[in-house]
Amino acid sequence: MLRRARLPLASVLIGGVLAACSSGSGTPGPSSGVGGSGQVVNVQTSEFRFDPSSITLPAGKVTFHVRNVGSAEHEFEIFKGEEAVDEIEGLVPGLEKDLTVDLPAGTYSIECRLPGHLEQGMKATLTVTP
């Protein structure tokens, strides 16, 4: 009888430890944006792409959480036409950085303009709705 009492208690303790370890402290995966102001968009860079490759979000303040999961250095540059809006440079492999911008409605591109990267297709589309 004593053994049976220990088994349920052990199960409860192990379950509690596992729940504490999985409480959302990991890095979030790619997202195409979440509603509301002060939104966060997760973007991964690798050779030679951005993931997601197409992002649509409402106008306003947004933070891009950019992580280089590739093996080469990349950049995360936002352009409206040929005009640079803002950028993250020096995204070496494994590095994560945040970029917060206030974007009005319009069509933008996200590019890596390191030599040869854009030519290999390292570009994403960004649509900001009113």
C-alpha atoms as a PDB file:
ATOM      1  CA  MET A   1       0.000   0.000   0.000  1.00  0.00           C
ATOM      2  CA  LEU A   2       2.841   2.364   0.712  1.00  0.00           C
ATOM      3  CA  ARG A   3       4.213   1.807  -2.798  1.00  0.00           C
ATOM      4  CA  ARG A   4       0.903   2.817  -4.425  1.00  0.00           C
ATOM      5  CA  ALA A   5       0.873   6.099  -2.530  1.00  0.00           C
ATOM      6  CA  ARG A   6       4.331   6.998  -3.823  1.00  0.00           C
ATOM      7  CA  LEU A   7       3.517   6.417  -7.493  1.00  0.00           C
ATOM      8  CA  PRO A   8       0.741   9.061  -7.799  1.00  0.00           C
ATOM      9  CA  LEU A   9       2.859  11.573  -5.843  1.00  0.00           C
ATOM     10  CA  ALA A  10       5.840  10.928  -8.128  1.00  0.00           C
ATOM     11  CA  SER A  11       3.609  11.390 -11.187  1.00  0.00           C
ATOM     12  CA  VAL A  12       2.345  14.730  -9.874  1.00  0.00           C
ATOM     13  CA  LEU A  13       5.888  15.949  -9.120  1.00  0.00           C
ATOM     14  CA  ILE A  14       7.245  14.902 -12.527  1.00  0.00           C
ATOM     15  CA  GLY A  15       4.253  16.488 -14.279  1.00  0.00           C
ATOM     16  CA  GLY A  16       4.839  19.749 -12.425  1.00  0.00           C
ATOM     17  CA  VAL A  17       8.529  19.805 -13.379  1.00  0.00           C
ATOM     18  CA  LEU A  18       7.719  19.126 -17.041  1.00  0.00           C
ATOM     19  CA  ALA A  19       5.061  21.848 -17.091  1.00  0.00           C
ATOM     20  CA  ALA A  20       7.518  24.355 -15.605  1.00  0.00           C
ATOM     21  CA  CYS A  21      10.137  23.504 -18.226  1.00  0.00           C
ATOM     22  CA  SER A  22       7.727  24.032 -21.120  1.00  0.00           C
ATOM     23  CA  SER A  23       6.283  27.368 -20.051  1.00  0.00           C
ATOM     24  CA  GLY A  24       6.956  29.190 -23.309  1.00  0.00           C
ATOM     25  CA  SER A  25      10.466  30.414 -22.579  1.00  0.00           C
ATOM     26  CA  GLY A  26      11.778  29.131 -25.917  1.00  0.00           C
ATOM     27  CA  THR A  27      12.288  31.196 -29.046  1.00  0.00           C
ATOM     28  CA  PRO A  28       9.027  31.600 -30.930  1.00  0.00           C
ATOM     29  CA  GLY A  29       8.849  30.301 -34.479  1.00  0.00           C
ATOM     30  CA  PRO A  30       8.248  32.376 -37.607  1.00  0.00           C
ATOM     31  CA  SER A  31       5.033  34.359 -37.648  1.00  0.00           C
ATOM     32  CA  SER A  32       3.324  36.523 -40.195  1.00  0.00           C
ATOM     33  CA  GLY A  33       2.317  38.988 -37.515  1.00  0.00           C
ATOM     34  CA  VAL A  34      -0.120  39.216 -34.654  1.00  0.00           C
ATOM     35  CA  GLY A  35      -2.918  41.709 -34.288  1.00  0.00           C
ATOM     36  CA  GLY A  36      -2.914  44.791 -32.104  1.00  0.00           C
ATOM     37  CA  SER A  37      -0.444  47.587 -31.611  1.00  0.00           C
ATOM     38  CA  GLY A  38       3.092  46.809 -30.624  1.00  0.00           C
ATOM     39  CA  GLN A  39       3.060  43.575 -32.573  1.00  0.00           C
ATOM     40  CA  VAL A  40       6.030  41.230 -32.977  1.00  0.00           C
ATOM     41  CA  VAL A  41       6.949  39.444 -36.188  1.00  0.00           C
ATOM     42  CA  ASN A  42       9.476  36.619 -35.994  1.00  0.00           C
ATOM     43  CA  VAL A  43      11.731  36.267 -39.030  1.00  0.00           C
ATOM     44  CA  GLN A  44      14.493  33.766 -39.718  1.00  0.00           C
ATOM     45  CA  THR A  45      17.317  34.333 -42.183  1.00  0.00           C
ATOM     46  CA  SER A  46      19.327  31.627 -43.884  1.00  0.00           C
ATOM     47  CA  GLU A  47      20.970  31.002 -47.242  1.00  0.00           C
ATOM     48  CA  PHE A  48      19.441  32.785 -49.210  1.00  0.00           C
ATOM     49  CA  ARG A  49      15.973  33.475 -47.899  1.00  0.00           C
ATOM     50  CA  PHE A  50      13.765  35.054 -45.286  1.00  0.00           C
ATOM     51  CA  ASP A  51      11.122  33.000 -43.516  1.00  0.00           C
ATOM     52  CA  PRO A  52       8.359  34.035 -43.832  1.00  0.00           C
ATOM     53  CA  SER A  53       8.860  35.325 -47.360  1.00  0.00           C
ATOM     54  CA  SER A  54       5.634  37.343 -47.304  1.00  0.00           C
ATOM     55  CA  ILE A  55       4.368  39.377 -44.347  1.00  0.00           C
ATOM     56  CA  THR A  56       1.104  41.329 -44.052  1.00  0.00           C
ATOM     57  CA  LEU A  57       0.349  43.429 -40.995  1.00  0.00           C
ATOM     58  CA  PRO A  58      -1.607  46.545 -39.996  1.00  0.00           C
ATOM     59  CA  ALA A  59       0.031  49.972 -39.943  1.00  0.00           C
ATOM     60  CA  GLY A  60       1.706  51.015 -36.721  1.00  0.00           C
ATOM     61  CA  LYS A  61       4.524  50.019 -34.465  1.00  0.00           C
ATOM     62  CA  VAL A  62       6.030  46.592 -35.110  1.00  0.00           C
ATOM     63  CA  THR A  63       9.070  44.786 -33.779  1.00  0.00           C
ATOM     64  CA  PHE A  64      10.822  42.373 -36.080  1.00  0.00           C
ATOM     65  CA  HIS A  65      12.606  39.672 -34.095  1.00  0.00           C
ATOM     66  CA  VAL A  66      15.211  38.444 -36.577  1.00  0.00           C
ATOM     67  CA  ARG A  67      17.316  35.317 -36.082  1.00  0.00           C
ATOM     68  CA  ASN A  68      20.035  34.060 -38.402  1.00  0.00           C
ATOM     69  CA  VAL A  69      19.662  30.276 -38.588  1.00  0.00           C
ATOM     70  CA  GLY A  70      22.052  30.018 -41.537  1.00  0.00           C
ATOM     71  CA  SER A  71      25.804  29.585 -41.767  1.00  0.00           C
ATOM     72  CA  ALA A  72      26.632  32.941 -43.401  1.00  0.00           C
ATOM     73  CA  GLU A  73      26.242  36.562 -42.281  1.00  0.00           C
ATOM     74  CA  HIS A  74      23.081  38.338 -43.447  1.00  0.00           C
ATOM     75  CA  GLU A  75      21.330  41.699 -43.174  1.00  0.00           C
ATOM     76  CA  PHE A  76      17.679  42.583 -42.627  1.00  0.00           C
ATOM     77  CA  GLU A  77      16.865  45.794 -44.499  1.00  0.00           C
ATOM     78  CA  ILE A  78      13.411  47.308 -45.010  1.00  0.00           C
ATOM     79  CA  PHE A  79      12.918  49.343 -48.196  1.00  0.00           C
ATOM     80  CA  LYS A  80      10.047  51.419 -49.530  1.00  0.00           C
ATOM     81  CA  GLY A  81      10.963  51.567 -53.197  1.00  0.00           C
ATOM     82  CA  GLU A  82      14.691  52.330 -53.223  1.00  0.00           C
ATOM     83  CA  GLU A  83      14.578  54.253 -49.943  1.00  0.00           C
ATOM     84  CA  ALA A  84      15.924  52.429 -46.890  1.00  0.00           C
ATOM     85  CA  VAL A  85      13.491  52.600 -43.954  1.00  0.00           C
ATOM     86  CA  ASP A  86      15.622  50.825 -41.330  1.00  0.00           C
ATOM     87  CA  GLU A  87      17.983  47.876 -41.026  1.00  0.00           C
ATOM     88  CA  ILE A  88      19.819  45.326 -38.950  1.00  0.00           C
ATOM     89  CA  GLU A  89      23.406  44.742 -40.076  1.00  0.00           C
ATOM     90  CA  GLY A  90      25.888  42.118 -39.008  1.00  0.00           C
ATOM     91  CA  LEU A  91      23.531  39.190 -38.441  1.00  0.00           C
ATOM     92  CA  VAL A  92      26.209  36.552 -37.991  1.00  0.00           C
ATOM     93  CA  PRO A  93      25.140  32.891 -37.695  1.00  0.00           C
ATOM     94  CA  GLY A  94      23.136  32.246 -34.529  1.00  0.00           C
ATOM     95  CA  LEU A  95      22.608  35.938 -33.729  1.00  0.00           C
ATOM     96  CA  GLU A  96      19.163  37.344 -32.877  1.00  0.00           C
ATOM     97  CA  LYS A  97      18.303  41.047 -32.957  1.00  0.00           C
ATOM     98  CA  ASP A  98      15.149  43.155 -32.690  1.00  0.00           C
ATOM     99  CA  LEU A  99      14.206  46.069 -34.930  1.00  0.00           C
ATOM    100  CA  THR A 100      11.236  48.249 -33.952  1.00  0.00           C
ATOM    101  CA  VAL A 101       9.729  50.540 -36.591  1.00  0.00           C
ATOM    102  CA  ASP A 102       6.527  52.516 -37.003  1.00  0.00           C
ATOM    103  CA  LEU A 103       5.262  51.714 -40.509  1.00  0.00           C
ATOM    104  CA  PRO A 104       2.552  53.557 -42.416  1.00  0.00           C
ATOM    105  CA  ALA A 105       0.404  51.649 -44.889  1.00  0.00           C
ATOM    106  CA  GLY A 106       2.205  50.691 -48.078  1.00  0.00           C
ATOM    107  CA  THR A 107       4.235  48.070 -49.879  1.00  0.00           C
ATOM    108  CA  TYR A 108       7.778  47.381 -48.712  1.00  0.00           C
ATOM    109  CA  SER A 109      10.514  44.886 -49.383  1.00  0.00           C
ATOM    110  CA  ILE A 110      12.846  43.184 -46.956  1.00  0.00           C
ATOM    111  CA  GLU A 111      16.240  42.506 -48.477  1.00  0.00           C
ATOM    112  CA  CYS A 112      19.746  41.355 -47.750  1.00  0.00           C
ATOM    113  CA  ARG A 113      22.041  43.511 -49.866  1.00  0.00           C
ATOM    114  CA  LEU A 114      25.296  41.843 -48.961  1.00  0.00           C
ATOM    115  CA  PRO A 115      27.199  41.045 -52.178  1.00  0.00           C
ATOM    116  CA  GLY A 116      25.405  38.296 -54.100  1.00  0.00           C
ATOM    117  CA  HIS A 117      22.626  37.685 -51.551  1.00  0.00           C
ATOM    118  CA  LEU A 118      19.862  39.706 -53.226  1.00  0.00           C
ATOM    119  CA  GLU A 119      20.841  38.232 -56.589  1.00  0.00           C
ATOM    120  CA  GLN A 120      20.302  34.761 -55.110  1.00  0.00           C
ATOM    121  CA  GLY A 121      16.751  35.696 -54.082  1.00  0.00           C
ATOM    122  CA  MET A 122      17.185  36.928 -50.518  1.00  0.00           C
ATOM    123  CA  LYS A 123      14.114  39.140 -50.510  1.00  0.00           C
ATOM    124  CA  ALA A 124      10.695  39.144 -48.843  1.00  0.00           C
ATOM    125  CA  THR A 125       7.559  41.205 -49.362  1.00  0.00           C
ATOM    126  CA  LEU A 126       6.016  43.312 -46.614  1.00  0.00           C
ATOM    127  CA  THR A 127       2.497  44.675 -47.006  1.00  0.00           C
ATOM    128  CA  VAL A 128       1.283  47.143 -44.399  1.00  0.00           C
ATOM    129  CA  THR A 129      -2.480  47.694 -44.433  1.00  0.00           C
ATOM    130  CA  PRO A 130      -4.330  50.824 -43.226  1.00  0.00           C
END
